[in-house]
Amino acid sequence: MANENPYKAINRIENFMGYGDYLGANNIDTNKIFILKQLAKQEKDIPSFLNRLSVLRQLLTEKKNDPGTKFILSTIHSSKGLEYDSVMLIDVLNGVFPNKVLRQHTKATPQEKKDYEEERRIFYVGMTRAKEHLTIFKYKDRPSAFLKELSKKQAIPEEMLESKPANTYSATQATSYLQRMMRNSQK
């Protein structure tokens, strides 16, 4: 494996050495493997791939915020503890965010319930990063369990959610909804 190109090596680990099966059996997200494979495609050997990962790690850990920047692309996880005047959450739709929707008429495993609640918590974190404006992007023709819950709690007409590609809420509306959700979950 040391003489293979990095893409083939990662593919071997994932598909032939059982790591992909392990991730699937434990319901672990495979996005990191996908990203590693995309980076590996651009490198000719393992040392250059490892060097590329090292450079990327250094860029991320030593980055300086530019006060003139008008747009910051971030994951919700990396924005935890930070606030912004405006926040835009993209792809808030079933199958993406949340990754899997729990149906009331089917039985969910404890792990599926835990995963769904974790995604709801992450959605909460994303919404609460907004100080003034929260914009949530979804597709008109694709449902969103999270937005459906939000519209029920905030009395936002369903037509508004379905008729526009983006929904904007004030930070006060989002915080009010989230405070009620947190109180209800503690009962």
N, C-alpha and C. Protein backbone atom coordinates (compact mmCIF):
# COMPACT_ATOMS: atom_id res chain seq x y z
N MET A 1 0.82 -1.18 0.00
CA MET A 1 0.00 0.00 0.00
C MET A 1 0.88 1.26 0.00
N ALA A 2 2.06 1.19 0.54
CA ALA A 2 2.94 2.35 0.61
C ALA A 2 3.32 2.87 -0.77
N ASN A 3 3.29 2.01 -1.77
CA ASN A 3 3.66 2.41 -3.13
C ASN A 3 2.46 2.81 -3.98
N GLU A 4 1.25 2.68 -3.44
CA GLU A 4 0.05 3.06 -4.19
C GLU A 4 -0.13 4.57 -4.15
N ASN A 5 -0.94 5.06 -5.09
CA ASN A 5 -1.27 6.48 -4.98
C ASN A 5 -2.25 6.63 -3.80
N PRO A 6 -2.34 7.81 -3.21
CA PRO A 6 -3.12 7.98 -1.98
C PRO A 6 -4.61 7.63 -2.15
N TYR A 7 -5.17 7.95 -3.31
CA TYR A 7 -6.58 7.64 -3.53
C TYR A 7 -6.82 6.13 -3.44
N LYS A 8 -5.97 5.36 -4.11
CA LYS A 8 -6.12 3.90 -4.09
C LYS A 8 -5.93 3.36 -2.67
N ALA A 9 -5.01 3.94 -1.91
CA ALA A 9 -4.76 3.49 -0.55
C ALA A 9 -5.98 3.73 0.34
N ILE A 10 -6.57 4.92 0.23
CA ILE A 10 -7.77 5.21 1.04
C ILE A 10 -8.93 4.32 0.60
N ASN A 11 -9.05 4.13 -0.71
CA ASN A 11 -10.10 3.26 -1.22
C ASN A 11 -9.92 1.83 -0.71
N ARG A 12 -8.69 1.34 -0.64
CA ARG A 12 -8.41 0.00 -0.13
C ARG A 12 -8.83 -0.11 1.34
N ILE A 13 -8.45 0.90 2.13
CA ILE A 13 -8.81 0.89 3.56
C ILE A 13 -10.32 0.90 3.74
N GLU A 14 -10.99 1.74 2.95
CA GLU A 14 -12.44 1.87 3.07
C GLU A 14 -13.18 0.62 2.58
N ASN A 15 -12.82 0.13 1.40
CA ASN A 15 -13.62 -0.92 0.76
C ASN A 15 -13.11 -2.34 0.91
N PHE A 16 -11.82 -2.52 1.10
CA PHE A 16 -11.28 -3.88 1.13
C PHE A 16 -10.77 -4.30 2.50
N MET A 17 -10.57 -3.33 3.37
CA MET A 17 -10.08 -3.66 4.71
C MET A 17 -11.17 -3.53 5.76
N GLY A 18 -12.39 -3.18 5.32
CA GLY A 18 -13.54 -3.19 6.23
C GLY A 18 -13.88 -1.89 6.92
N TYR A 19 -13.12 -0.81 6.68
CA TYR A 19 -13.42 0.44 7.38
C TYR A 19 -14.76 1.02 6.95
N GLY A 20 -15.09 0.93 5.68
CA GLY A 20 -16.39 1.41 5.19
C GLY A 20 -17.53 0.65 5.83
N ASP A 21 -17.37 -0.67 5.98
CA ASP A 21 -18.40 -1.49 6.65
C ASP A 21 -18.54 -1.07 8.11
N TYR A 22 -17.41 -0.80 8.75
CA TYR A 22 -17.42 -0.36 10.15
C TYR A 22 -18.19 0.96 10.28
N LEU A 23 -17.91 1.92 9.39
CA LEU A 23 -18.61 3.20 9.44
C LEU A 23 -20.11 3.00 9.25
N GLY A 24 -20.47 2.18 8.29
CA GLY A 24 -21.90 1.92 8.03
C GLY A 24 -22.58 1.23 9.19
N ALA A 25 -21.94 0.23 9.76
CA ALA A 25 -22.54 -0.52 10.87
C ALA A 25 -22.71 0.34 12.11
N ASN A 26 -21.86 1.36 12.26
CA ASN A 26 -21.93 2.22 13.44
C ASN A 26 -22.59 3.56 13.14
N ASN A 27 -23.22 3.65 11.95
CA ASN A 27 -23.95 4.85 11.56
C ASN A 27 -23.07 6.10 11.65
N ILE A 28 -21.81 5.99 11.21
CA ILE A 28 -20.86 7.10 11.26
C ILE A 28 -20.82 7.75 9.88
N ASP A 29 -20.86 9.06 9.87
CA ASP A 29 -20.85 9.84 8.64
C ASP A 29 -19.59 9.56 7.83
N THR A 30 -19.74 9.39 6.53
CA THR A 30 -18.61 9.07 5.65
C THR A 30 -18.08 10.29 4.90
N ASN A 31 -18.55 11.47 5.25
CA ASN A 31 -18.11 12.68 4.54
C ASN A 31 -16.61 12.91 4.65
N LYS A 32 -16.01 12.58 5.78
CA LYS A 32 -14.56 12.81 5.94
C LYS A 32 -13.77 11.92 4.99
N ILE A 33 -14.21 10.68 4.83
CA ILE A 33 -13.54 9.78 3.88
C ILE A 33 -13.67 10.34 2.47
N PHE A 34 -14.86 10.83 2.14
CA PHE A 34 -15.09 11.42 0.81
C PHE A 34 -14.12 12.58 0.57
N ILE A 35 -14.00 13.48 1.55
CA ILE A 35 -13.11 14.63 1.43
C ILE A 35 -11.65 14.18 1.28
N LEU A 36 -11.25 13.21 2.10
CA LEU A 36 -9.88 12.70 1.99
C LEU A 36 -9.61 12.13 0.60
N LYS A 37 -10.58 11.41 0.06
CA LYS A 37 -10.40 10.82 -1.27
C LYS A 37 -10.28 11.91 -2.34
N GLN A 38 -11.07 12.98 -2.20
CA GLN A 38 -10.99 14.07 -3.17
C GLN A 38 -9.62 14.76 -3.10
N LEU A 39 -9.12 14.96 -1.89
CA LEU A 39 -7.78 15.54 -1.74
C LEU A 39 -6.72 14.59 -2.28
N ALA A 40 -6.89 13.30 -2.02
CA ALA A 40 -5.91 12.29 -2.43
C ALA A 40 -5.81 12.18 -3.95
N LYS A 41 -6.90 12.44 -4.66
CA LYS A 41 -6.88 12.36 -6.13
C LYS A 41 -5.87 13.33 -6.73
N GLN A 42 -5.58 14.39 -6.00
CA GLN A 42 -4.71 15.44 -6.53
C GLN A 42 -3.23 15.22 -6.19
N GLU A 43 -2.93 14.17 -5.44
CA GLU A 43 -1.54 13.92 -5.03
C GLU A 43 -1.03 12.63 -5.66
N LYS A 44 0.28 12.60 -5.99
CA LYS A 44 0.83 11.44 -6.70
C LYS A 44 1.30 10.31 -5.78
N ASP A 45 1.66 10.66 -4.53
CA ASP A 45 2.14 9.62 -3.62
C ASP A 45 1.73 9.94 -2.18
N ILE A 46 1.93 8.96 -1.29
CA ILE A 46 1.52 9.10 0.11
C ILE A 46 2.25 10.27 0.80
N PRO A 47 3.58 10.43 0.64
CA PRO A 47 4.24 11.55 1.31
C PRO A 47 3.68 12.92 0.89
N SER A 48 3.40 13.10 -0.41
CA SER A 48 2.85 14.39 -0.85
C SER A 48 1.43 14.59 -0.31
N PHE A 49 0.66 13.52 -0.20
CA PHE A 49 -0.68 13.60 0.38
C PHE A 49 -0.61 14.00 1.85
N LEU A 50 0.28 13.35 2.60
CA LEU A 50 0.43 13.68 4.03
C LEU A 50 0.92 15.11 4.20
N ASN A 51 1.80 15.55 3.32
CA ASN A 51 2.27 16.93 3.36
C ASN A 51 1.12 17.90 3.09
N ARG A 52 0.28 17.57 2.11
CA ARG A 52 -0.89 18.41 1.79
C ARG A 52 -1.81 18.52 3.00
N LEU A 53 -2.06 17.41 3.69
CA LEU A 53 -2.91 17.44 4.89
C LEU A 53 -2.29 18.32 5.97
N SER A 54 -0.98 18.24 6.11
CA SER A 54 -0.27 19.06 7.09
C SER A 54 -0.41 20.54 6.77
N VAL A 55 -0.26 20.90 5.50
CA VAL A 55 -0.39 22.30 5.08
C VAL A 55 -1.82 22.79 5.33
N LEU A 56 -2.80 21.98 5.00
CA LEU A 56 -4.20 22.36 5.23
C LEU A 56 -4.49 22.55 6.72
N ARG A 57 -3.98 21.65 7.54
CA ARG A 57 -4.15 21.76 8.99
C ARG A 57 -3.55 23.07 9.49
N GLN A 58 -2.36 23.39 9.01
CA GLN A 58 -1.69 24.63 9.41
C GLN A 58 -2.49 25.85 8.97
N LEU A 59 -3.01 25.84 7.75
CA LEU A 59 -3.82 26.96 7.26
C LEU A 59 -5.05 27.17 8.15
N LEU A 60 -5.68 26.09 8.54
CA LEU A 60 -6.89 26.20 9.36
C LEU A 60 -6.59 26.66 10.78
N THR A 61 -5.50 26.17 11.35
CA THR A 61 -5.21 26.52 12.75
C THR A 61 -4.59 27.90 12.89
N GLU A 62 -3.92 28.38 11.85
CA GLU A 62 -3.25 29.67 11.94
C GLU A 62 -3.97 30.79 11.21
N LYS A 63 -5.18 30.51 10.73
CA LYS A 63 -5.88 31.51 9.94
C LYS A 63 -6.18 32.75 10.79
N LYS A 64 -6.13 33.88 10.14
CA LYS A 64 -6.45 35.15 10.77
C LYS A 64 -7.76 35.65 10.17
N ASN A 65 -8.62 36.17 11.02
CA ASN A 65 -9.86 36.74 10.52
C ASN A 65 -9.58 38.09 9.88
N ASP A 66 -10.09 38.29 8.70
CA ASP A 66 -9.95 39.54 7.99
C ASP A 66 -11.19 40.38 8.26
N PRO A 67 -11.06 41.50 8.97
CA PRO A 67 -12.22 42.31 9.29
C PRO A 67 -12.96 42.83 8.06
N GLY A 68 -12.29 42.87 6.92
CA GLY A 68 -12.92 43.34 5.69
C GLY A 68 -13.73 42.27 4.97
N THR A 69 -13.64 41.03 5.43
CA THR A 69 -14.35 39.94 4.78
C THR A 69 -15.86 40.12 4.95
N LYS A 70 -16.58 40.01 3.86
CA LYS A 70 -18.03 40.19 3.91
C LYS A 70 -18.78 38.87 4.01
N PHE A 71 -18.06 37.77 3.85
CA PHE A 71 -18.72 36.47 3.81
C PHE A 71 -17.80 35.43 4.43
N ILE A 72 -18.33 34.64 5.35
CA ILE A 72 -17.56 33.57 5.97
C ILE A 72 -18.31 32.27 5.73
N LEU A 73 -17.66 31.32 5.08
CA LEU A 73 -18.24 30.00 4.88
C LEU A 73 -17.74 29.11 5.99
N SER A 74 -18.67 28.51 6.73
CA SER A 74 -18.29 27.76 7.92
C SER A 74 -19.24 26.59 8.12
N THR A 75 -18.78 25.60 8.84
CA THR A 75 -19.69 24.56 9.31
C THR A 75 -20.34 25.04 10.60
N ILE A 76 -21.44 24.45 10.96
CA ILE A 76 -22.10 24.82 12.21
C ILE A 76 -21.19 24.47 13.38
N HIS A 77 -20.53 23.32 13.30
CA HIS A 77 -19.65 22.90 14.38
C HIS A 77 -18.56 23.93 14.66
N SER A 78 -17.94 24.46 13.61
CA SER A 78 -16.84 25.40 13.82
C SER A 78 -17.33 26.78 14.22
N SER A 79 -18.63 27.05 14.11
CA SER A 79 -19.15 28.36 14.50
C SER A 79 -19.68 28.36 15.93
N LYS A 80 -19.62 27.22 16.59
CA LYS A 80 -20.13 27.13 17.95
C LYS A 80 -19.41 28.15 18.85
N GLY A 81 -20.20 28.91 19.60
CA GLY A 81 -19.65 29.91 20.48
C GLY A 81 -19.44 31.26 19.81
N LEU A 82 -19.64 31.34 18.50
CA LEU A 82 -19.47 32.59 17.77
C LEU A 82 -20.85 33.17 17.42
N GLU A 83 -20.88 34.46 17.13
CA GLU A 83 -22.12 35.09 16.68
C GLU A 83 -21.82 35.95 15.46
N TYR A 84 -22.83 36.09 14.62
CA TYR A 84 -22.72 36.90 13.40
C TYR A 84 -23.99 37.72 13.26
N ASP A 85 -23.88 38.88 12.60
CA ASP A 85 -25.07 39.70 12.38
C ASP A 85 -26.11 38.92 11.58
N SER A 86 -25.67 38.25 10.53
CA SER A 86 -26.56 37.47 9.69
C SER A 86 -26.00 36.07 9.50
N VAL A 87 -26.88 35.10 9.53
CA VAL A 87 -26.50 33.70 9.32
C VAL A 87 -27.42 33.12 8.26
N MET A 88 -26.84 32.33 7.37
CA MET A 88 -27.61 31.61 6.36
C MET A 88 -27.34 30.13 6.52
N LEU A 89 -28.39 29.37 6.73
CA LEU A 89 -28.28 27.92 6.78
C LEU A 89 -28.77 27.38 5.45
N ILE A 90 -27.97 26.53 4.81
CA ILE A 90 -28.34 26.02 3.49
C ILE A 90 -28.77 24.56 3.56
N ASP A 91 -29.55 24.15 2.58
CA ASP A 91 -29.99 22.76 2.42
C ASP A 91 -30.67 22.20 3.66
N VAL A 92 -31.56 22.98 4.26
CA VAL A 92 -32.34 22.49 5.39
C VAL A 92 -33.53 21.75 4.78
N LEU A 93 -33.31 20.48 4.46
CA LEU A 93 -34.34 19.65 3.87
C LEU A 93 -34.09 18.19 4.21
N ASN A 94 -35.15 17.46 4.27
CA ASN A 94 -35.07 16.04 4.64
C ASN A 94 -34.12 15.30 3.70
N GLY A 95 -33.27 14.49 4.29
CA GLY A 95 -32.29 13.73 3.54
C GLY A 95 -30.93 14.41 3.50
N VAL A 96 -30.91 15.72 3.81
CA VAL A 96 -29.65 16.46 3.87
C VAL A 96 -29.46 16.96 5.30
N PHE A 97 -30.37 17.79 5.75
CA PHE A 97 -30.30 18.33 7.12
C PHE A 97 -31.71 18.53 7.61
N PRO A 98 -32.33 17.55 8.25
CA PRO A 98 -31.73 16.36 8.84
C PRO A 98 -31.44 15.27 7.80
N ASN A 99 -30.40 14.52 8.11
CA ASN A 99 -29.98 13.44 7.23
C ASN A 99 -31.07 12.37 7.11
N LYS A 100 -31.70 12.06 8.23
CA LYS A 100 -32.74 11.04 8.24
C LYS A 100 -33.88 11.54 9.13
N VAL A 101 -35.11 11.42 8.63
CA VAL A 101 -36.28 11.88 9.37
C VAL A 101 -36.94 10.69 10.04
N LEU A 102 -37.29 10.86 11.29
CA LEU A 102 -37.99 9.80 12.02
C LEU A 102 -39.48 9.96 11.79
N ARG A 103 -40.10 8.92 11.31
CA ARG A 103 -41.55 8.92 11.07
C ARG A 103 -42.25 8.39 12.31
N GLN A 104 -43.37 9.00 12.64
CA GLN A 104 -44.09 8.59 13.85
C GLN A 104 -44.67 7.18 13.73
N HIS A 105 -45.03 6.77 12.53
CA HIS A 105 -45.66 5.46 12.35
C HIS A 105 -44.65 4.31 12.27
N THR A 106 -43.36 4.62 12.24
CA THR A 106 -42.35 3.56 12.22
C THR A 106 -41.54 3.63 13.50
N LYS A 107 -41.01 2.48 13.89
CA LYS A 107 -40.19 2.45 15.11
C LYS A 107 -38.76 2.77 14.77
N ALA A 108 -38.22 3.70 15.51
CA ALA A 108 -36.82 4.09 15.33
C ALA A 108 -35.99 3.43 16.43
N THR A 109 -34.78 3.07 16.07
CA THR A 109 -33.87 2.50 17.06
C THR A 109 -33.41 3.61 18.00
N PRO A 110 -32.93 3.25 19.18
CA PRO A 110 -32.40 4.28 20.08
C PRO A 110 -31.29 5.11 19.42
N GLN A 111 -30.46 4.48 18.60
CA GLN A 111 -29.39 5.21 17.92
C GLN A 111 -29.96 6.20 16.90
N GLU A 112 -31.00 5.79 16.16
CA GLU A 112 -31.62 6.69 15.20
C GLU A 112 -32.23 7.90 15.91
N LYS A 113 -32.87 7.66 17.06
CA LYS A 113 -33.44 8.76 17.84
C LYS A 113 -32.33 9.70 18.32
N LYS A 114 -31.24 9.12 18.79
CA LYS A 114 -30.12 9.91 19.29
C LYS A 114 -29.52 10.75 18.15
N ASP A 115 -29.34 10.14 16.98
CA ASP A 115 -28.78 10.85 15.83
C ASP A 115 -29.68 12.02 15.41
N TYR A 116 -30.99 11.78 15.39
CA TYR A 116 -31.94 12.82 15.00
C TYR A 116 -31.91 13.97 16.00
N GLU A 117 -31.88 13.65 17.27
CA GLU A 117 -31.83 14.69 18.30
C GLU A 117 -30.52 15.48 18.21
N GLU A 118 -29.44 14.81 17.86
CA GLU A 118 -28.15 15.50 17.69
C GLU A 118 -28.23 16.48 16.52
N GLU A 119 -28.86 16.06 15.42
CA GLU A 119 -29.01 16.97 14.29
C GLU A 119 -29.91 18.15 14.65
N ARG A 120 -30.95 17.90 15.43
CA ARG A 120 -31.82 18.99 15.90
C ARG A 120 -31.01 19.97 16.76
N ARG A 121 -30.16 19.43 17.61
CA ARG A 121 -29.31 20.28 18.46
C ARG A 121 -28.37 21.11 17.59
N ILE A 122 -27.81 20.51 16.56
CA ILE A 122 -26.91 21.23 15.65
C ILE A 122 -27.68 22.33 14.92
N PHE A 123 -28.91 22.03 14.52
CA PHE A 123 -29.77 23.04 13.88
C PHE A 123 -29.98 24.22 14.84
N TYR A 124 -30.23 23.90 16.10
CA TYR A 124 -30.38 24.91 17.15
C TYR A 124 -29.13 25.77 17.24
N VAL A 125 -27.97 25.14 17.27
CA VAL A 125 -26.71 25.87 17.35
C VAL A 125 -26.57 26.81 16.15
N GLY A 126 -26.87 26.30 14.96
CA GLY A 126 -26.77 27.13 13.75
C GLY A 126 -27.69 28.33 13.81
N MET A 127 -28.92 28.12 14.26
CA MET A 127 -29.88 29.22 14.33
C MET A 127 -29.45 30.27 15.34
N THR A 128 -28.88 29.85 16.44
CA THR A 128 -28.53 30.79 17.51
C THR A 128 -27.23 31.54 17.26
N ARG A 129 -26.57 31.31 16.13
CA ARG A 129 -25.39 32.10 15.78
C ARG A 129 -25.80 33.47 15.27
N ALA A 130 -27.06 33.64 14.86
CA ALA A 130 -27.54 34.88 14.26
C ALA A 130 -27.90 35.91 15.33
N LYS A 131 -27.31 37.10 15.22
CA LYS A 131 -27.66 38.18 16.14
C LYS A 131 -28.88 38.95 15.62
N GLU A 132 -28.96 39.18 14.31
CA GLU A 132 -30.03 40.00 13.76
C GLU A 132 -30.89 39.28 12.74
N HIS A 133 -30.29 38.56 11.79
CA HIS A 133 -31.05 37.92 10.72
C HIS A 133 -30.62 36.47 10.54
N LEU A 134 -31.61 35.62 10.42
CA LEU A 134 -31.38 34.21 10.13
C LEU A 134 -32.11 33.89 8.84
N THR A 135 -31.38 33.40 7.85
CA THR A 135 -31.98 32.99 6.59
C THR A 135 -31.77 31.49 6.45
N ILE A 136 -32.86 30.79 6.16
CA ILE A 136 -32.80 29.34 6.01
C ILE A 136 -33.19 29.00 4.57
N PHE A 137 -32.26 28.38 3.87
CA PHE A 137 -32.51 28.00 2.48
C PHE A 137 -33.00 26.56 2.40
N LYS A 138 -34.04 26.36 1.61
CA LYS A 138 -34.56 25.03 1.34
C LYS A 138 -35.09 25.03 -0.09
N TYR A 139 -35.44 23.87 -0.58
CA TYR A 139 -36.03 23.78 -1.90
C TYR A 139 -37.54 23.81 -1.76
N LYS A 140 -38.20 24.49 -2.70
CA LYS A 140 -39.66 24.63 -2.64
C LYS A 140 -40.36 23.27 -2.61
N ASP A 141 -39.87 22.35 -3.40
CA ASP A 141 -40.57 21.07 -3.57
C ASP A 141 -40.03 19.95 -2.67
N ARG A 142 -39.18 20.28 -1.70
CA ARG A 142 -38.62 19.26 -0.80
C ARG A 142 -38.99 19.61 0.63
N PRO A 143 -39.58 18.69 1.37
CA PRO A 143 -39.98 18.98 2.76
C PRO A 143 -38.79 19.06 3.71
N SER A 144 -39.03 19.72 4.84
CA SER A 144 -38.02 19.84 5.88
C SER A 144 -38.69 19.65 7.23
N ALA A 145 -38.33 18.60 7.94
CA ALA A 145 -38.90 18.33 9.26
C ALA A 145 -38.57 19.47 10.22
N PHE A 146 -37.37 20.01 10.15
CA PHE A 146 -36.98 21.09 11.05
C PHE A 146 -37.79 22.35 10.78
N LEU A 147 -37.99 22.70 9.51
CA LEU A 147 -38.77 23.90 9.20
C LEU A 147 -40.24 23.69 9.52
N LYS A 148 -40.71 22.46 9.37
CA LYS A 148 -42.10 22.18 9.73
C LYS A 148 -42.29 22.39 11.23
N GLU A 149 -41.35 21.91 12.04
CA GLU A 149 -41.42 22.13 13.48
C GLU A 149 -41.35 23.62 13.80
N LEU A 150 -40.47 24.33 13.11
CA LEU A 150 -40.31 25.76 13.33
C LEU A 150 -41.60 26.51 12.97
N SER A 151 -42.23 26.15 11.86
CA SER A 151 -43.45 26.86 11.45
C SER A 151 -44.60 26.59 12.41
N LYS A 152 -44.66 25.39 12.99
CA LYS A 152 -45.71 25.08 13.98
C LYS A 152 -45.51 25.89 15.25
N LYS A 153 -44.28 26.04 15.69
CA LYS A 153 -44.00 26.74 16.94
C LYS A 153 -44.09 28.25 16.78
N GLN A 154 -43.80 28.78 15.60
CA GLN A 154 -43.76 30.22 15.39
C GLN A 154 -44.98 30.76 14.66
N ALA A 155 -45.94 29.93 14.34
CA ALA A 155 -47.12 30.34 13.60
C ALA A 155 -46.74 31.00 12.27
N ILE A 156 -45.71 30.45 11.62
CA ILE A 156 -45.32 30.91 10.30
C ILE A 156 -46.13 30.08 9.31
N PRO A 157 -46.91 30.72 8.45
CA PRO A 157 -47.76 29.95 7.53
C PRO A 157 -46.94 28.97 6.68
N GLU A 158 -47.46 27.77 6.53
CA GLU A 158 -46.78 26.75 5.73
C GLU A 158 -46.57 27.23 4.30
N GLU A 159 -47.52 28.06 3.79
CA GLU A 159 -47.38 28.57 2.41
C GLU A 159 -46.09 29.38 2.27
N MET A 160 -45.74 30.11 3.32
CA MET A 160 -44.51 30.91 3.27
C MET A 160 -43.30 30.01 3.15
N LEU A 161 -43.32 28.92 3.86
CA LEU A 161 -42.18 28.00 3.82
C LEU A 161 -42.08 27.30 2.48
N GLU A 162 -43.21 27.01 1.88
CA GLU A 162 -43.21 26.25 0.64
C GLU A 162 -43.08 27.13 -0.60
N SER A 163 -43.43 28.42 -0.49
CA SER A 163 -43.49 29.24 -1.69
C SER A 163 -42.21 30.03 -1.96
N LYS A 164 -41.28 30.04 -1.04
CA LYS A 164 -40.05 30.80 -1.22
C LYS A 164 -38.85 29.89 -1.05
N PRO A 165 -37.80 30.11 -1.85
CA PRO A 165 -36.61 29.28 -1.69
C PRO A 165 -35.83 29.58 -0.43
N ALA A 166 -36.04 30.76 0.15
CA ALA A 166 -35.34 31.11 1.39
C ALA A 166 -36.32 31.75 2.35
N ASN A 167 -36.13 31.50 3.62
CA ASN A 167 -36.98 32.07 4.66
C ASN A 167 -36.09 32.86 5.60
N THR A 168 -36.52 34.05 5.92
CA THR A 168 -35.75 34.89 6.83
C THR A 168 -36.55 35.11 8.09
N TYR A 169 -35.92 34.90 9.21
CA TYR A 169 -36.53 35.10 10.52
C TYR A 169 -35.66 36.07 11.28
N SER A 170 -36.27 36.82 12.15
CA SER A 170 -35.45 37.67 13.01
C SER A 170 -34.81 36.78 14.05
N ALA A 171 -33.72 37.22 14.61
CA ALA A 171 -33.05 36.44 15.65
C ALA A 171 -33.98 36.26 16.84
N THR A 172 -34.84 37.24 17.10
CA THR A 172 -35.79 37.14 18.21
C THR A 172 -36.78 36.01 17.98
N GLN A 173 -37.31 35.89 16.75
CA GLN A 173 -38.23 34.79 16.44
C GLN A 173 -37.56 33.44 16.65
N ALA A 174 -36.35 33.29 16.15
CA ALA A 174 -35.63 32.02 16.26
C ALA A 174 -35.34 31.70 17.72
N THR A 175 -34.89 32.68 18.47
CA THR A 175 -34.57 32.45 19.88
C THR A 175 -35.82 32.08 20.67
N SER A 176 -36.93 32.75 20.39
CA SER A 176 -38.19 32.45 21.07
C SER A 176 -38.60 30.99 20.82
N TYR A 177 -38.54 30.58 19.56
CA TYR A 177 -38.86 29.21 19.20
C TYR A 177 -37.94 28.22 19.94
N LEU A 178 -36.66 28.51 19.91
CA LEU A 178 -35.69 27.59 20.52
C LEU A 178 -35.84 27.52 22.03
N GLN A 179 -36.16 28.62 22.67
CA GLN A 179 -36.37 28.60 24.11
C GLN A 179 -37.57 27.71 24.45
N ARG A 180 -38.65 27.82 23.67
CA ARG A 180 -39.82 26.95 23.90
C ARG A 180 -39.47 25.49 23.67
N MET A 181 -38.69 25.22 22.62
CA MET A 181 -38.28 23.83 22.33
C MET A 181 -37.47 23.27 23.49
N MET A 182 -36.57 24.06 24.03
CA MET A 182 -35.71 23.60 25.12
C MET A 182 -36.56 23.35 26.38
N ARG A 183 -37.49 24.24 26.68
CA ARG A 183 -38.36 24.04 27.85
C ARG A 183 -39.19 22.78 27.68
N ASN A 184 -39.74 22.57 26.49
CA ASN A 184 -40.57 21.39 26.24
C ASN A 184 -39.76 20.10 26.34
N SER A 185 -38.50 20.14 25.89
CA SER A 185 -37.69 18.91 25.94
C SER A 185 -37.24 18.59 27.35
N GLN A 186 -37.25 19.57 28.25
CA GLN A 186 -36.84 19.33 29.63
C GLN A 186 -37.98 18.82 30.49
N LYS A 187 -39.21 18.90 29.98
CA LYS A 187 -40.38 18.43 30.75
C LYS A 187 -40.49 16.93 30.74
